[in-house]
Amino acid sequence: MDIDDILKEVDPTFNTIPPETRDLQALTRAWVAERSTPELLEWPPDNLFERISNRIKAQIEKIEDMTGDMDPRTNFALIVIQTELERYKFLMRSFLRSRMAKHQALLHNHYLSSFLSAFPPALQNLNDTAGNISMIDQPDNEGAVFVRLLRGTMVTGRGVDADGSYEGQEGHILILRWSDAKGIVARGDAEVV
């Protein structure tokens, strides 16, 4: 079950929302979630990025066609279309950059090609734990994230002094450790905000 299925259940006007708007909302949610969590999340389902890439290509073609027209009304429409196009491109670039920043293998390959290959083989590993200090940064699963509940659910969290449970209602916004929020986000009961 994905966010579209959840929205169909709770929002009777969901089917009146244009698919372009739903895709933009899904992209924005994926971008916020990816930037807010310490680990790499699953790739958005339902070919979201392919649809958005096709829309971007179509908008670029439309802009190229409209560029030659000197009508002031067309110029204003052109500015609006270009602004919308830049918003889509920004969200896609930022989402992909967030994912790449988390991908340790890319960073290791970069270090290997940049300078580690000049070191002796015994010193090329980035996973050395000499002196009880790990050279690899792990995601901070104890870091705080904000989540919005998409439906009523029991939320369990660990605190500094005590642990607790809370019967959360739809729409509530909570701050939790990522390790506590990960399960309810993965089930679709909450989204990262």
N, C-alpha and C. Protein backbone atom coordinates (compact mmCIF):
# COMPACT_ATOMS: atom_id res chain seq x y z
N MET A 1 0.86 -1.18 0.00
CA MET A 1 0.00 0.00 0.00
C MET A 1 0.90 1.23 0.00
N ASP A 2 0.66 2.15 -0.92
CA ASP A 2 1.45 3.37 -0.96
C ASP A 2 0.59 4.56 -0.57
N ILE A 3 1.17 5.75 -0.61
CA ILE A 3 0.49 6.95 -0.13
C ILE A 3 -0.76 7.26 -0.96
N ASP A 4 -0.75 6.95 -2.27
CA ASP A 4 -1.93 7.19 -3.08
C ASP A 4 -3.12 6.36 -2.61
N ASP A 5 -2.85 5.09 -2.24
CA ASP A 5 -3.94 4.24 -1.73
C ASP A 5 -4.50 4.79 -0.43
N ILE A 6 -3.62 5.28 0.43
CA ILE A 6 -4.07 5.85 1.70
C ILE A 6 -4.91 7.09 1.46
N LEU A 7 -4.44 7.96 0.55
CA LEU A 7 -5.18 9.19 0.27
C LEU A 7 -6.55 8.91 -0.35
N LYS A 8 -6.64 7.87 -1.19
CA LYS A 8 -7.93 7.52 -1.77
C LYS A 8 -8.94 7.12 -0.70
N GLU A 9 -8.46 6.44 0.36
CA GLU A 9 -9.35 6.00 1.43
C GLU A 9 -9.86 7.17 2.26
N VAL A 10 -9.03 8.16 2.52
CA VAL A 10 -9.42 9.23 3.45
C VAL A 10 -9.89 10.51 2.77
N ASP A 11 -9.62 10.68 1.48
CA ASP A 11 -9.97 11.93 0.81
C ASP A 11 -10.89 11.65 -0.38
N PRO A 12 -12.17 12.00 -0.26
CA PRO A 12 -13.10 11.71 -1.36
C PRO A 12 -12.80 12.52 -2.62
N THR A 13 -12.07 13.62 -2.51
CA THR A 13 -11.75 14.45 -3.68
C THR A 13 -10.45 14.02 -4.34
N PHE A 14 -9.86 12.91 -3.90
CA PHE A 14 -8.56 12.49 -4.41
C PHE A 14 -8.58 12.30 -5.93
N ASN A 15 -9.65 11.70 -6.45
CA ASN A 15 -9.69 11.42 -7.88
C ASN A 15 -9.85 12.68 -8.72
N THR A 16 -10.21 13.81 -8.10
CA THR A 16 -10.33 15.06 -8.86
C THR A 16 -9.01 15.80 -8.96
N ILE A 17 -7.99 15.35 -8.23
CA ILE A 17 -6.67 15.98 -8.29
C ILE A 17 -5.97 15.49 -9.55
N PRO A 18 -5.46 16.41 -10.38
CA PRO A 18 -4.78 15.98 -11.61
C PRO A 18 -3.56 15.12 -11.31
N PRO A 19 -3.25 14.15 -12.18
CA PRO A 19 -2.09 13.27 -11.94
C PRO A 19 -0.78 14.04 -11.81
N GLU A 20 -0.64 15.18 -12.52
CA GLU A 20 0.59 15.97 -12.43
C GLU A 20 0.77 16.50 -11.01
N THR A 21 -0.33 16.93 -10.40
CA THR A 21 -0.27 17.46 -9.03
C THR A 21 0.04 16.34 -8.06
N ARG A 22 -0.58 15.17 -8.25
CA ARG A 22 -0.29 14.02 -7.36
C ARG A 22 1.17 13.62 -7.47
N ASP A 23 1.73 13.64 -8.70
CA ASP A 23 3.14 13.28 -8.88
C ASP A 23 4.04 14.30 -8.19
N LEU A 24 3.70 15.58 -8.30
CA LEU A 24 4.49 16.61 -7.63
C LEU A 24 4.43 16.43 -6.12
N GLN A 25 3.25 16.11 -5.60
CA GLN A 25 3.11 15.87 -4.15
C GLN A 25 3.92 14.65 -3.74
N ALA A 26 3.88 13.58 -4.54
CA ALA A 26 4.65 12.37 -4.22
C ALA A 26 6.15 12.65 -4.27
N LEU A 27 6.58 13.42 -5.25
CA LEU A 27 8.00 13.78 -5.35
C LEU A 27 8.43 14.62 -4.16
N THR A 28 7.59 15.57 -3.76
CA THR A 28 7.92 16.42 -2.61
C THR A 28 8.00 15.59 -1.34
N ARG A 29 7.07 14.66 -1.16
CA ARG A 29 7.11 13.79 0.02
C ARG A 29 8.37 12.92 0.04
N ALA A 30 8.71 12.36 -1.12
CA ALA A 30 9.91 11.53 -1.21
C ALA A 30 11.16 12.36 -0.92
N TRP A 31 11.20 13.59 -1.42
CA TRP A 31 12.34 14.48 -1.20
C TRP A 31 12.48 14.81 0.29
N VAL A 32 11.38 15.18 0.94
CA VAL A 32 11.42 15.52 2.36
C VAL A 32 11.86 14.31 3.18
N ALA A 33 11.29 13.15 2.88
CA ALA A 33 11.63 11.94 3.64
C ALA A 33 13.09 11.57 3.45
N GLU A 34 13.59 11.64 2.22
CA GLU A 34 14.99 11.26 1.96
C GLU A 34 15.96 12.21 2.64
N ARG A 35 15.63 13.50 2.67
CA ARG A 35 16.52 14.47 3.32
C ARG A 35 16.44 14.40 4.84
N SER A 36 15.35 13.87 5.38
CA SER A 36 15.14 13.88 6.82
C SER A 36 15.60 12.62 7.52
N THR A 37 15.80 11.55 6.79
CA THR A 37 16.18 10.29 7.42
C THR A 37 17.67 10.03 7.24
N PRO A 38 18.27 9.30 8.18
CA PRO A 38 19.72 9.07 8.11
C PRO A 38 20.13 7.95 7.18
N GLU A 39 19.19 7.13 6.71
CA GLU A 39 19.58 6.02 5.84
C GLU A 39 18.84 6.09 4.52
N LEU A 40 19.32 5.35 3.55
CA LEU A 40 18.76 5.33 2.22
C LEU A 40 17.39 4.66 2.25
N LEU A 41 16.37 5.35 1.77
CA LEU A 41 15.01 4.80 1.73
C LEU A 41 14.78 4.07 0.41
N GLU A 42 13.67 3.34 0.33
CA GLU A 42 13.35 2.63 -0.91
C GLU A 42 13.04 3.64 -2.02
N TRP A 43 13.33 3.21 -3.24
CA TRP A 43 13.07 4.05 -4.42
C TRP A 43 11.57 4.24 -4.54
N PRO A 44 11.11 5.45 -4.89
CA PRO A 44 9.66 5.68 -5.03
C PRO A 44 9.03 4.72 -6.04
N PRO A 45 7.85 4.19 -5.71
CA PRO A 45 7.21 3.19 -6.57
C PRO A 45 6.50 3.80 -7.76
N ASP A 46 5.95 2.94 -8.60
CA ASP A 46 5.04 3.31 -9.69
C ASP A 46 5.68 4.20 -10.75
N ASN A 47 6.97 4.05 -11.01
CA ASN A 47 7.64 4.81 -12.08
C ASN A 47 7.47 6.31 -11.93
N LEU A 48 7.47 6.80 -10.71
CA LEU A 48 7.29 8.23 -10.45
C LEU A 48 8.35 9.06 -11.19
N PHE A 49 9.60 8.66 -11.10
CA PHE A 49 10.67 9.46 -11.71
C PHE A 49 10.63 9.40 -13.23
N GLU A 50 10.20 8.30 -13.78
CA GLU A 50 10.08 8.23 -15.23
C GLU A 50 8.98 9.17 -15.72
N ARG A 51 7.84 9.19 -15.01
CA ARG A 51 6.75 10.09 -15.41
C ARG A 51 7.19 11.55 -15.29
N ILE A 52 7.87 11.88 -14.21
CA ILE A 52 8.31 13.26 -14.02
C ILE A 52 9.38 13.63 -15.05
N SER A 53 10.28 12.73 -15.36
CA SER A 53 11.29 13.00 -16.40
C SER A 53 10.62 13.26 -17.75
N ASN A 54 9.60 12.48 -18.07
CA ASN A 54 8.87 12.70 -19.33
C ASN A 54 8.17 14.04 -19.33
N ARG A 55 7.61 14.45 -18.18
CA ARG A 55 6.95 15.75 -18.10
C ARG A 55 7.97 16.89 -18.27
N ILE A 56 9.14 16.71 -17.68
CA ILE A 56 10.19 17.72 -17.82
C ILE A 56 10.59 17.87 -19.28
N LYS A 57 10.78 16.74 -19.97
CA LYS A 57 11.13 16.80 -21.40
C LYS A 57 10.04 17.50 -22.20
N ALA A 58 8.78 17.18 -21.90
CA ALA A 58 7.67 17.81 -22.62
C ALA A 58 7.62 19.32 -22.35
N GLN A 59 7.88 19.72 -21.10
CA GLN A 59 7.87 21.14 -20.76
C GLN A 59 9.01 21.87 -21.46
N ILE A 60 10.18 21.25 -21.55
CA ILE A 60 11.31 21.87 -22.25
C ILE A 60 10.96 22.09 -23.72
N GLU A 61 10.32 21.09 -24.34
CA GLU A 61 9.90 21.24 -25.73
C GLU A 61 8.87 22.36 -25.87
N LYS A 62 7.95 22.44 -24.93
CA LYS A 62 6.93 23.49 -24.97
C LYS A 62 7.57 24.87 -24.83
N ILE A 63 8.55 24.97 -23.94
CA ILE A 63 9.25 26.25 -23.75
C ILE A 63 9.99 26.64 -25.02
N GLU A 64 10.64 25.67 -25.66
CA GLU A 64 11.35 25.96 -26.91
C GLU A 64 10.39 26.43 -27.99
N ASP A 65 9.19 25.84 -28.05
CA ASP A 65 8.20 26.27 -29.05
C ASP A 65 7.68 27.67 -28.76
N MET A 66 7.50 28.00 -27.47
CA MET A 66 6.93 29.29 -27.09
C MET A 66 7.95 30.43 -27.12
N THR A 67 9.23 30.11 -27.14
CA THR A 67 10.26 31.14 -27.04
C THR A 67 10.21 32.13 -28.20
N GLY A 68 9.85 31.68 -29.37
CA GLY A 68 9.83 32.55 -30.53
C GLY A 68 8.67 33.53 -30.57
N ASP A 69 7.64 33.32 -29.77
CA ASP A 69 6.45 34.17 -29.79
C ASP A 69 6.71 35.42 -28.95
N MET A 70 6.38 36.57 -29.47
CA MET A 70 6.64 37.83 -28.76
C MET A 70 5.39 38.42 -28.11
N ASP A 71 4.29 37.70 -28.07
CA ASP A 71 3.05 38.16 -27.44
C ASP A 71 3.27 38.27 -25.93
N PRO A 72 2.92 39.40 -25.28
CA PRO A 72 3.14 39.57 -23.84
C PRO A 72 2.44 38.51 -23.00
N ARG A 73 1.25 38.08 -23.41
CA ARG A 73 0.55 37.04 -22.65
C ARG A 73 1.31 35.72 -22.74
N THR A 74 1.86 35.42 -23.90
CA THR A 74 2.64 34.21 -24.07
C THR A 74 3.92 34.29 -23.24
N ASN A 75 4.53 35.47 -23.19
CA ASN A 75 5.75 35.63 -22.39
C ASN A 75 5.49 35.38 -20.91
N PHE A 76 4.34 35.87 -20.41
CA PHE A 76 4.01 35.61 -19.00
C PHE A 76 3.80 34.11 -18.76
N ALA A 77 3.08 33.45 -19.68
CA ALA A 77 2.87 32.01 -19.55
C ALA A 77 4.20 31.28 -19.60
N LEU A 78 5.11 31.76 -20.44
CA LEU A 78 6.43 31.15 -20.55
C LEU A 78 7.19 31.25 -19.23
N ILE A 79 7.10 32.39 -18.57
CA ILE A 79 7.77 32.58 -17.27
C ILE A 79 7.19 31.61 -16.23
N VAL A 80 5.87 31.45 -16.24
CA VAL A 80 5.23 30.53 -15.29
C VAL A 80 5.66 29.09 -15.55
N ILE A 81 5.68 28.70 -16.81
CA ILE A 81 6.08 27.33 -17.17
C ILE A 81 7.55 27.09 -16.80
N GLN A 82 8.41 28.08 -17.07
CA GLN A 82 9.83 27.92 -16.72
C GLN A 82 10.02 27.81 -15.21
N THR A 83 9.26 28.58 -14.45
CA THR A 83 9.36 28.52 -12.99
C THR A 83 8.94 27.15 -12.47
N GLU A 84 7.84 26.63 -13.02
CA GLU A 84 7.37 25.30 -12.62
C GLU A 84 8.39 24.22 -13.00
N LEU A 85 8.98 24.37 -14.18
CA LEU A 85 10.00 23.43 -14.63
C LEU A 85 11.20 23.44 -13.68
N GLU A 86 11.63 24.61 -13.28
CA GLU A 86 12.76 24.72 -12.36
C GLU A 86 12.45 24.09 -11.00
N ARG A 87 11.19 24.20 -10.56
CA ARG A 87 10.80 23.58 -9.29
C ARG A 87 10.93 22.06 -9.39
N TYR A 88 10.41 21.47 -10.47
CA TYR A 88 10.53 20.03 -10.67
C TYR A 88 12.00 19.60 -10.71
N LYS A 89 12.80 20.35 -11.49
CA LYS A 89 14.21 19.99 -11.62
C LYS A 89 14.95 20.10 -10.29
N PHE A 90 14.63 21.14 -9.50
CA PHE A 90 15.26 21.29 -8.20
C PHE A 90 14.93 20.11 -7.30
N LEU A 91 13.65 19.72 -7.23
CA LEU A 91 13.25 18.61 -6.37
C LEU A 91 13.94 17.31 -6.78
N MET A 92 14.00 17.06 -8.09
CA MET A 92 14.65 15.83 -8.55
C MET A 92 16.14 15.83 -8.24
N ARG A 93 16.81 16.95 -8.53
CA ARG A 93 18.25 17.02 -8.25
C ARG A 93 18.54 16.87 -6.77
N SER A 94 17.79 17.56 -5.95
CA SER A 94 18.02 17.51 -4.51
C SER A 94 17.75 16.12 -3.94
N PHE A 95 16.69 15.47 -4.43
CA PHE A 95 16.38 14.11 -4.00
C PHE A 95 17.53 13.17 -4.34
N LEU A 96 18.00 13.25 -5.59
CA LEU A 96 19.09 12.36 -6.01
C LEU A 96 20.39 12.67 -5.28
N ARG A 97 20.66 13.94 -5.03
CA ARG A 97 21.86 14.29 -4.27
C ARG A 97 21.80 13.73 -2.85
N SER A 98 20.63 13.79 -2.24
CA SER A 98 20.48 13.24 -0.89
C SER A 98 20.76 11.76 -0.88
N ARG A 99 20.27 11.05 -1.88
CA ARG A 99 20.52 9.61 -1.94
C ARG A 99 22.00 9.32 -2.18
N MET A 100 22.60 10.09 -3.06
CA MET A 100 24.01 9.86 -3.35
C MET A 100 24.90 10.17 -2.15
N ALA A 101 24.52 11.16 -1.38
CA ALA A 101 25.32 11.52 -0.20
C ALA A 101 25.34 10.38 0.80
N LYS A 102 24.30 9.58 0.80
CA LYS A 102 24.21 8.48 1.75
C LYS A 102 24.90 7.22 1.26
N HIS A 103 25.25 7.17 0.02
CA HIS A 103 25.75 5.90 -0.58
C HIS A 103 27.24 5.78 -0.36
N GLN A 104 27.63 5.04 0.62
CA GLN A 104 29.03 4.89 1.02
C GLN A 104 29.89 4.31 -0.10
N ALA A 105 29.34 3.46 -0.93
CA ALA A 105 30.13 2.85 -1.98
C ALA A 105 30.62 3.89 -2.98
N LEU A 106 29.79 4.88 -3.30
CA LEU A 106 30.22 5.94 -4.21
C LEU A 106 31.39 6.73 -3.62
N LEU A 107 31.27 7.02 -2.35
CA LEU A 107 32.33 7.77 -1.69
C LEU A 107 33.62 6.96 -1.63
N HIS A 108 33.50 5.67 -1.32
CA HIS A 108 34.69 4.82 -1.27
C HIS A 108 35.36 4.73 -2.64
N ASN A 109 34.58 4.56 -3.70
CA ASN A 109 35.16 4.51 -5.05
C ASN A 109 35.84 5.82 -5.41
N HIS A 110 35.25 6.92 -4.99
CA HIS A 110 35.88 8.22 -5.25
C HIS A 110 37.22 8.32 -4.52
N TYR A 111 37.24 7.96 -3.26
CA TYR A 111 38.49 8.00 -2.49
C TYR A 111 39.52 7.07 -3.10
N LEU A 112 39.06 5.89 -3.52
CA LEU A 112 40.00 4.92 -4.10
C LEU A 112 40.61 5.47 -5.38
N SER A 113 39.81 6.07 -6.23
CA SER A 113 40.35 6.59 -7.48
C SER A 113 41.15 7.88 -7.28
N SER A 114 40.83 8.64 -6.21
CA SER A 114 41.52 9.91 -5.99
C SER A 114 42.88 9.73 -5.34
N PHE A 115 42.94 9.00 -4.23
CA PHE A 115 44.22 8.94 -3.51
C PHE A 115 44.50 7.61 -2.83
N LEU A 116 43.49 6.81 -2.51
CA LEU A 116 43.76 5.57 -1.79
C LEU A 116 44.54 4.56 -2.61
N SER A 117 44.42 4.60 -3.92
CA SER A 117 45.14 3.64 -4.76
C SER A 117 46.66 3.84 -4.67
N ALA A 118 47.09 5.02 -4.22
CA ALA A 118 48.53 5.27 -4.06
C ALA A 118 49.07 4.68 -2.77
N PHE A 119 48.19 4.29 -1.84
CA PHE A 119 48.61 3.71 -0.56
C PHE A 119 48.86 2.22 -0.73
N PRO A 120 49.62 1.63 0.17
CA PRO A 120 49.79 0.16 0.15
C PRO A 120 48.43 -0.51 0.38
N PRO A 121 48.22 -1.71 -0.16
CA PRO A 121 46.91 -2.38 -0.04
C PRO A 121 46.39 -2.49 1.39
N ALA A 122 47.26 -2.67 2.35
CA ALA A 122 46.81 -2.81 3.74
C ALA A 122 46.22 -1.51 4.29
N LEU A 123 46.53 -0.38 3.67
CA LEU A 123 46.03 0.91 4.15
C LEU A 123 44.90 1.48 3.30
N GLN A 124 44.41 0.70 2.32
CA GLN A 124 43.37 1.21 1.43
C GLN A 124 41.95 1.02 1.95
N ASN A 125 41.77 0.24 3.00
CA ASN A 125 40.42 -0.01 3.52
C ASN A 125 39.91 1.17 4.32
N LEU A 126 38.67 1.50 4.11
CA LEU A 126 38.04 2.56 4.88
C LEU A 126 37.24 2.01 6.06
N ASN A 127 37.30 0.70 6.25
CA ASN A 127 36.54 0.09 7.34
C ASN A 127 37.43 -0.35 8.50
N ASP A 128 38.58 0.27 8.63
CA ASP A 128 39.50 -0.04 9.71
C ASP A 128 38.92 0.45 11.03
N THR A 129 39.09 -0.35 12.08
CA THR A 129 38.60 0.05 13.40
C THR A 129 39.75 0.08 14.41
N ALA A 130 40.92 0.48 13.97
CA ALA A 130 42.06 0.57 14.86
C ALA A 130 41.80 1.59 15.95
N GLY A 131 42.16 1.25 17.17
CA GLY A 131 41.97 2.17 18.29
C GLY A 131 40.51 2.34 18.67
N ASN A 132 39.68 1.34 18.34
CA ASN A 132 38.24 1.37 18.64
C ASN A 132 37.52 2.57 18.01
N ILE A 133 38.07 3.07 16.92
CA ILE A 133 37.43 4.16 16.18
C ILE A 133 37.15 3.66 14.77
N SER A 134 35.89 3.63 14.39
CA SER A 134 35.52 3.17 13.06
C SER A 134 35.72 4.30 12.06
N MET A 135 36.25 3.95 10.89
CA MET A 135 36.45 4.94 9.84
C MET A 135 35.19 5.17 9.03
N ILE A 136 34.15 4.34 9.22
CA ILE A 136 32.91 4.47 8.46
C ILE A 136 31.85 5.08 9.36
N ASP A 137 31.30 6.18 8.90
CA ASP A 137 30.18 6.79 9.62
C ASP A 137 28.92 5.98 9.36
N GLN A 138 28.25 5.62 10.42
CA GLN A 138 26.98 4.90 10.31
C GLN A 138 25.84 5.90 10.43
N PRO A 139 24.68 5.59 9.84
CA PRO A 139 23.53 6.48 10.02
C PRO A 139 23.19 6.60 11.51
N ASP A 140 22.83 7.78 11.92
CA ASP A 140 22.47 8.01 13.31
C ASP A 140 21.01 7.63 13.52
N ASN A 141 20.78 6.37 13.84
CA ASN A 141 19.42 5.88 14.04
C ASN A 141 18.79 6.45 15.30
N GLU A 142 19.57 7.08 16.13
CA GLU A 142 19.04 7.69 17.35
C GLU A 142 18.74 9.17 17.14
N GLY A 143 18.99 9.67 15.94
CA GLY A 143 18.69 11.06 15.62
C GLY A 143 17.19 11.28 15.54
N ALA A 144 16.77 12.51 15.81
CA ALA A 144 15.35 12.84 15.84
C ALA A 144 14.83 13.17 14.45
N VAL A 145 13.61 12.73 14.18
CA VAL A 145 12.89 13.08 12.96
C VAL A 145 11.46 13.46 13.33
N PHE A 146 10.85 14.30 12.51
CA PHE A 146 9.45 14.65 12.68
C PHE A 146 8.62 13.77 11.76
N VAL A 147 7.52 13.22 12.28
CA VAL A 147 6.62 12.41 11.47
C VAL A 147 5.19 12.90 11.65
N ARG A 148 4.43 12.80 10.57
CA ARG A 148 2.99 13.10 10.60
C ARG A 148 2.26 11.78 10.46
N LEU A 149 1.34 11.50 11.38
CA LEU A 149 0.58 10.26 11.31
C LEU A 149 -0.48 10.37 10.21
N LEU A 150 -0.52 9.35 9.37
CA LEU A 150 -1.49 9.31 8.28
C LEU A 150 -2.77 8.58 8.68
N ARG A 151 -2.71 7.87 9.79
CA ARG A 151 -3.88 7.19 10.35
C ARG A 151 -3.60 6.94 11.83
N GLY A 152 -4.63 6.67 12.57
CA GLY A 152 -4.46 6.39 14.00
C GLY A 152 -3.65 5.12 14.20
N THR A 153 -2.65 5.18 15.06
CA THR A 153 -1.80 4.02 15.32
C THR A 153 -1.12 4.17 16.66
N MET A 154 -0.71 3.05 17.24
CA MET A 154 0.04 3.07 18.49
C MET A 154 1.50 3.39 18.18
N VAL A 155 2.04 4.39 18.85
CA VAL A 155 3.42 4.82 18.64
C VAL A 155 4.19 4.55 19.91
N THR A 156 5.29 3.83 19.79
CA THR A 156 6.15 3.54 20.92
C THR A 156 7.48 4.25 20.72
N GLY A 157 7.92 4.95 21.74
CA GLY A 157 9.17 5.68 21.64
C GLY A 157 10.01 5.52 22.90
N ARG A 158 11.31 5.67 22.72
CA ARG A 158 12.23 5.60 23.84
C ARG A 158 12.66 7.00 24.22
N GLY A 159 12.54 7.31 25.50
CA GLY A 159 12.93 8.62 25.98
C GLY A 159 14.22 8.57 26.76
N VAL A 160 14.65 9.70 27.27
CA VAL A 160 15.87 9.77 28.06
C VAL A 160 15.66 9.11 29.41
N ASP A 161 14.55 9.44 30.07
CA ASP A 161 14.27 8.91 31.41
C ASP A 161 13.41 7.65 31.37
N ALA A 162 12.49 7.56 30.42
CA ALA A 162 11.59 6.41 30.37
C ALA A 162 11.09 6.22 28.94
N ASP A 163 10.64 5.00 28.66
CA ASP A 163 10.03 4.70 27.37
C ASP A 163 8.53 4.87 27.51
N GLY A 164 7.85 5.05 26.38
CA GLY A 164 6.41 5.23 26.47
C GLY A 164 5.70 4.87 25.18
N SER A 165 4.39 4.70 25.31
CA SER A 165 3.53 4.44 24.16
C SER A 165 2.47 5.51 24.10
N TYR A 166 2.00 5.77 22.89
CA TYR A 166 1.05 6.85 22.68
C TYR A 166 0.09 6.42 21.58
N GLU A 167 -1.20 6.59 21.82
CA GLU A 167 -2.20 6.29 20.81
C GLU A 167 -2.34 7.51 19.92
N GLY A 168 -1.61 7.51 18.83
CA GLY A 168 -1.59 8.66 17.93
C GLY A 168 -2.81 8.69 17.02
N GLN A 169 -3.25 9.87 16.69
CA GLN A 169 -4.39 10.07 15.80
C GLN A 169 -3.91 10.64 14.47
N GLU A 170 -4.71 10.44 13.45
CA GLU A 170 -4.38 10.96 12.12
C GLU A 170 -4.13 12.46 12.18
N GLY A 171 -3.03 12.89 11.54
CA GLY A 171 -2.70 14.30 11.49
C GLY A 171 -1.76 14.77 12.59
N HIS A 172 -1.59 13.98 13.64
CA HIS A 172 -0.67 14.38 14.71
C HIS A 172 0.76 14.40 14.17
N ILE A 173 1.53 15.37 14.62
CA ILE A 173 2.94 15.46 14.26
C ILE A 173 3.75 15.17 15.51
N LEU A 174 4.66 14.21 15.39
CA LEU A 174 5.46 13.76 16.53
C LEU A 174 6.93 13.88 16.20
N ILE A 175 7.74 14.00 17.24
CA ILE A 175 9.19 13.92 17.07
C ILE A 175 9.63 12.63 17.76
N LEU A 176 10.33 11.79 17.00
CA LEU A 176 10.76 10.48 17.49
C LEU A 176 12.20 10.22 17.06
N ARG A 177 12.82 9.28 17.72
CA ARG A 177 14.09 8.78 17.22
C ARG A 177 13.80 8.04 15.92
N TRP A 178 14.73 8.10 14.95
CA TRP A 178 14.50 7.42 13.69
C TRP A 178 14.29 5.92 13.90
N SER A 179 15.00 5.32 14.84
CA SER A 179 14.83 3.89 15.08
C SER A 179 13.42 3.56 15.54
N ASP A 180 12.75 4.48 16.23
CA ASP A 180 11.36 4.27 16.65
C ASP A 180 10.37 4.60 15.54
N ALA A 181 10.69 5.57 14.71
CA ALA A 181 9.78 6.01 13.65
C ALA A 181 9.87 5.13 12.41
N LYS A 182 10.97 4.45 12.21
CA LYS A 182 11.21 3.71 10.98
C LYS A 182 10.10 2.70 10.68
N GLY A 183 9.63 1.99 11.68
CA GLY A 183 8.60 0.97 11.48
C GLY A 183 7.27 1.54 11.03
N ILE A 184 6.82 2.63 11.67
CA ILE A 184 5.52 3.19 11.29
C ILE A 184 5.58 3.90 9.93
N VAL A 185 6.77 4.42 9.58
CA VAL A 185 6.93 5.03 8.26
C VAL A 185 6.93 3.94 7.19
N ALA A 186 7.62 2.84 7.45
CA ALA A 186 7.68 1.74 6.49
C ALA A 186 6.30 1.10 6.27
N ARG A 187 5.47 1.06 7.31
CA ARG A 187 4.12 0.49 7.20
C ARG A 187 3.16 1.43 6.47
N GLY A 188 3.55 2.69 6.35
CA GLY A 188 2.66 3.67 5.72
C GLY A 188 1.71 4.34 6.70
N ASP A 189 1.94 4.15 8.00
CA ASP A 189 1.10 4.79 9.01
C ASP A 189 1.52 6.23 9.26
N ALA A 190 2.73 6.61 8.80
CA ALA A 190 3.23 7.95 9.03
C ALA A 190 4.14 8.34 7.87
N GLU A 191 4.37 9.65 7.74
CA GLU A 191 5.32 10.15 6.76
C GLU A 191 6.27 11.10 7.45
N VAL A 192 7.50 11.17 6.95
CA VAL A 192 8.48 12.07 7.50
C VAL A 192 8.19 13.47 6.99
N VAL A 193 8.22 14.47 7.88
CA VAL A 193 8.01 15.86 7.48
C VAL A 193 9.18 16.71 7.85
